[in-house]
C-alpha cells in the first residue's frame, strides 16, 4: 500500500505542476497582450485602430479567464488533498471496499484514472521506482476532474462495478 500512496502522491504532484504551468503560461500571455495593447498607437485609420483594440481586449479577457481557470484548478487540488488526508484518517479501521472519491486512483480494464483535475495522460514514476508489472497494471494514467463526464461516472463506484462511457464498458478493478 505504501507504493500506491507514493504513486498517488506522484500523480497529485504531476497535476499540481500542470496547474502551475498553466498559471505561468496564462500570466505570460496576459502580460504580453497588455503590452501589445499599450504599444498600439492610434493611426489615421480610426476603424482599423478600434478593431485592433477590441481584438486585443478580447485576447486579454481570454487570458484572464485561462488564468482564473488555472488558479481554480490549483485550489481544487488543494481541497482534494485536504479531503484525502481526512478520508485516510477516518478509513484506517474501515475494511469495507473503498468508493471512488476525489483523490482516488481507479484501475479499470480500459485505463487507470486519478480523480483530481483534468490534466490528460500522466507519466508514471521513473521505471527505477516502479516494477514493470506495476507499470503495466496501472498505465496509462489519466487525470480527470470529478466534474468531467467520466469523473461523474466514476464517483461513488466500488470495485467490481461496471459502467459505460463513449460506447466502452468499464469495470472498476481496484480503487485506491
Protein backbone atom coordinates (compact mmCIF):
# COMPACT_ATOMS: atom_id res chain seq x y z
CA UNK A 1 0.00 0.00 0.00
CA UNK A 2 2.95 2.31 0.57
CA UNK A 3 3.81 2.06 -3.14
CA UNK A 4 0.25 3.06 -4.04
CA UNK A 5 0.38 6.07 -1.72
CA UNK A 6 3.71 7.06 -3.30
CA UNK A 7 2.15 6.72 -6.75
CA UNK A 8 -0.90 8.79 -5.77
CA UNK A 9 1.40 11.47 -4.33
CA UNK A 10 3.34 11.49 -7.59
CA UNK A 11 0.16 11.84 -9.66
CA UNK A 12 -1.01 14.65 -7.38
CA UNK A 13 2.33 16.45 -7.88
CA UNK A 14 2.08 16.00 -11.66
CA UNK A 15 -1.40 17.56 -11.60
CA UNK A 16 -0.15 20.38 -9.38
CA UNK A 17 2.77 21.06 -11.74
CA UNK A 18 0.34 21.00 -14.67
CA UNK A 19 -1.84 23.65 -12.97
CA UNK A 20 1.18 25.78 -12.02
CA UNK A 21 2.44 25.66 -15.62
CA UNK A 22 -1.00 26.73 -16.88
CA UNK A 23 -0.91 29.66 -14.45
CA UNK A 24 2.56 30.69 -15.61
CA UNK A 25 1.58 30.43 -19.29
CA UNK A 26 -1.62 32.43 -18.78
CA UNK A 27 0.20 35.15 -16.80
CA UNK A 28 2.82 35.48 -19.55
CA UNK A 29 0.19 35.64 -22.29
CA UNK A 30 -1.83 38.18 -20.32
CA UNK A 31 1.21 40.40 -19.80
CA UNK A 32 2.14 40.21 -23.49
CA UNK A 33 -1.41 41.08 -24.54
CA UNK A 34 -1.43 44.08 -22.19
CA UNK A 35 1.93 45.27 -23.52
CA UNK A 36 0.75 44.93 -27.12
CA UNK A 37 -2.41 46.88 -26.29
CA UNK A 38 -0.43 49.67 -24.62
CA UNK A 39 2.05 49.90 -27.51
CA UNK A 40 -0.63 50.18 -30.16
CA UNK A 41 -0.95 53.83 -31.18
CA UNK A 42 -3.87 55.41 -32.91
CA UNK A 43 -3.41 55.56 -36.63
CA UNK A 44 -5.19 57.68 -39.20
CA UNK A 45 -7.45 54.75 -39.94
CA UNK A 46 -9.76 55.08 -36.91
CA UNK A 47 -11.89 51.99 -37.58
CA UNK A 48 -8.82 49.85 -38.02
CA UNK A 49 -7.48 51.11 -34.69
CA UNK A 50 -10.75 50.39 -32.89
CA UNK A 51 -10.95 46.89 -34.38
CA UNK A 52 -7.37 46.20 -33.33
CA UNK A 53 -8.02 47.48 -29.78
CA UNK A 54 -11.14 45.33 -29.50
CA UNK A 55 -9.26 42.24 -30.65
CA UNK A 56 -6.52 42.93 -28.10
CA UNK A 57 -9.12 43.39 -25.36
CA UNK A 58 -10.70 40.06 -26.30
CA UNK A 59 -7.27 38.45 -26.05
CA UNK A 60 -6.75 39.99 -22.61
CA UNK A 61 -10.17 38.76 -21.48
CA UNK A 62 -9.48 35.26 -22.81
CA UNK A 63 -6.15 35.10 -20.97
CA UNK A 64 -7.77 36.36 -17.76
CA UNK A 65 -10.27 33.50 -17.99
CA UNK A 66 -7.47 30.97 -18.58
CA UNK A 67 -5.62 32.33 -15.57
CA UNK A 68 -8.74 32.18 -13.40
CA UNK A 69 -9.44 28.59 -14.52
CA UNK A 70 -5.86 27.51 -13.77
CA UNK A 71 -6.00 29.08 -10.31
CA UNK A 72 -9.32 27.32 -9.66
CA UNK A 73 -7.71 24.00 -10.66
CA UNK A 74 -4.94 24.59 -8.15
CA UNK A 75 -7.48 25.40 -5.42
CA UNK A 76 -9.43 22.25 -6.30
CA UNK A 77 -6.27 20.16 -5.95
CA UNK A 78 -5.51 21.69 -2.56
CA UNK A 79 -9.06 20.89 -1.42
CA UNK A 80 -8.76 17.32 -2.72
CA UNK A 81 -5.52 16.94 -0.77
CA UNK A 82 -7.22 18.08 2.45
CA UNK A 83 -10.19 15.77 1.85
CA UNK A 84 -7.89 12.84 1.05
CA UNK A 85 -5.97 13.29 4.31
CA UNK A 86 -9.24 13.38 6.28
CA UNK A 87 -10.55 10.34 4.39
CA UNK A 88 -7.40 8.34 5.16
CA UNK A 89 -7.62 9.16 8.88
CA UNK A 90 -11.26 8.04 9.01
CA UNK A 91 -10.64 4.91 6.95
CA UNK A 92 -7.82 3.30 8.97
CA UNK A 93 -10.14 0.84 10.73
CA UNK A 94 -12.66 0.51 7.89
CA UNK A 95 -12.31 -2.77 5.99
CA UNK A 96 -15.16 -2.07 3.52
CA UNK A 97 -14.49 -1.65 -0.17
CA UNK A 98 -13.49 1.90 -0.94
CA UNK A 99 -15.69 4.06 -3.10
CA UNK A 100 -14.27 6.40 -5.72
CA UNK A 101 -13.90 9.95 -4.42
CA UNK A 102 -11.73 12.95 -5.32
CA UNK A 103 -8.11 11.89 -4.84
CA UNK A 104 -8.77 8.23 -5.71
CA UNK A 105 -6.74 6.17 -8.13
CA UNK A 106 -9.11 3.93 -10.07
CA UNK A 107 -7.92 0.96 -12.12
CA UNK A 108 -10.22 -0.29 -14.89
CA UNK A 109 -9.75 -2.61 -17.84
CA UNK A 110 -9.63 0.46 -20.10
CA UNK A 111 -7.13 2.57 -18.19
CA UNK A 112 -6.36 4.00 -14.80
CA UNK A 113 -7.76 7.30 -13.58
CA UNK A 114 -6.60 9.76 -10.96
CA UNK A 115 -9.58 11.80 -9.77
CA UNK A 116 -8.17 15.31 -9.41
CA UNK A 117 -8.14 17.88 -12.20
CA UNK A 118 -8.39 17.45 -15.94
CA UNK A 119 -4.73 17.19 -16.90
CA UNK A 120 -4.81 14.45 -19.51
CA UNK A 121 -2.46 11.49 -19.61
CA UNK A 122 0.21 11.44 -16.91
CA UNK A 123 3.55 9.64 -16.94
CA UNK A 124 4.28 7.23 -14.06
CA UNK A 125 7.25 7.40 -11.72
CA UNK A 126 10.59 6.57 -13.22
CA UNK A 127 10.94 2.91 -14.05
CA UNK A 128 13.50 2.57 -11.24
CA UNK A 129 10.74 3.30 -8.73
CA UNK A 130 8.03 1.00 -10.12
CA UNK A 131 8.37 -2.56 -11.25
CA UNK A 132 7.48 -3.45 -14.83
CA UNK A 133 4.41 -5.30 -13.51
CA UNK A 134 3.26 -2.17 -11.64
CA UNK A 135 3.61 -0.05 -14.78
CA UNK A 136 1.72 -2.50 -16.97
CA UNK A 137 -1.09 -2.79 -14.42
CA UNK A 138 -1.52 0.92 -13.80
CA UNK A 139 -0.74 2.68 -17.06
CA UNK A 140 -1.85 4.73 -18.81
CA UNK A 141 -2.88 7.19 -16.10
CA UNK A 142 -5.48 9.80 -16.92
CA UNK A 143 -6.03 12.74 -14.60
CA UNK A 144 -9.72 13.60 -14.70
CA UNK A 145 -11.82 16.14 -12.85
CA UNK A 146 -14.71 14.90 -10.72
CA UNK A 147 -16.84 17.31 -12.79
CA UNK A 148 -15.82 15.76 -16.12
CA UNK A 149 -18.20 13.30 -17.80
CA UNK A 150 -16.10 10.23 -16.91
CA UNK A 151 -15.29 11.68 -13.48
CA UNK A 152 -19.01 11.95 -12.72
CA UNK A 153 -19.48 8.32 -13.76
CA UNK A 154 -16.57 7.15 -11.61
CA UNK A 155 -17.55 8.96 -8.41
CA UNK A 156 -19.17 6.62 -5.89
CA UNK A 157 -18.24 3.44 -7.78
CA UNK A 158 -16.81 0.45 -5.88
CA UNK A 159 -14.60 -2.39 -7.03
CA UNK A 160 -16.43 -4.70 -9.41
CA UNK A 161 -18.97 -2.11 -10.55
CA UNK A 162 -19.49 -1.63 -14.28
CA UNK A 163 -20.38 1.48 -16.29
CA UNK A 164 -20.44 2.58 -19.92
CA UNK A 165 -18.69 5.63 -21.32
CA UNK A 166 -18.40 6.58 -25.00
CA UNK A 167 -19.52 3.12 -26.07
CA UNK A 168 -16.92 1.31 -23.95
CA UNK A 169 -17.71 -0.87 -20.95
CA UNK A 170 -15.54 -0.11 -17.90
CA UNK A 171 -15.20 -2.45 -14.94
CA UNK A 172 -13.73 -0.93 -11.79
CA UNK A 173 -10.97 -3.31 -10.84
CA UNK A 174 -9.33 -1.51 -7.92
CA UNK A 175 -9.90 1.71 -6.01
CA UNK A 176 -7.02 3.21 -4.03
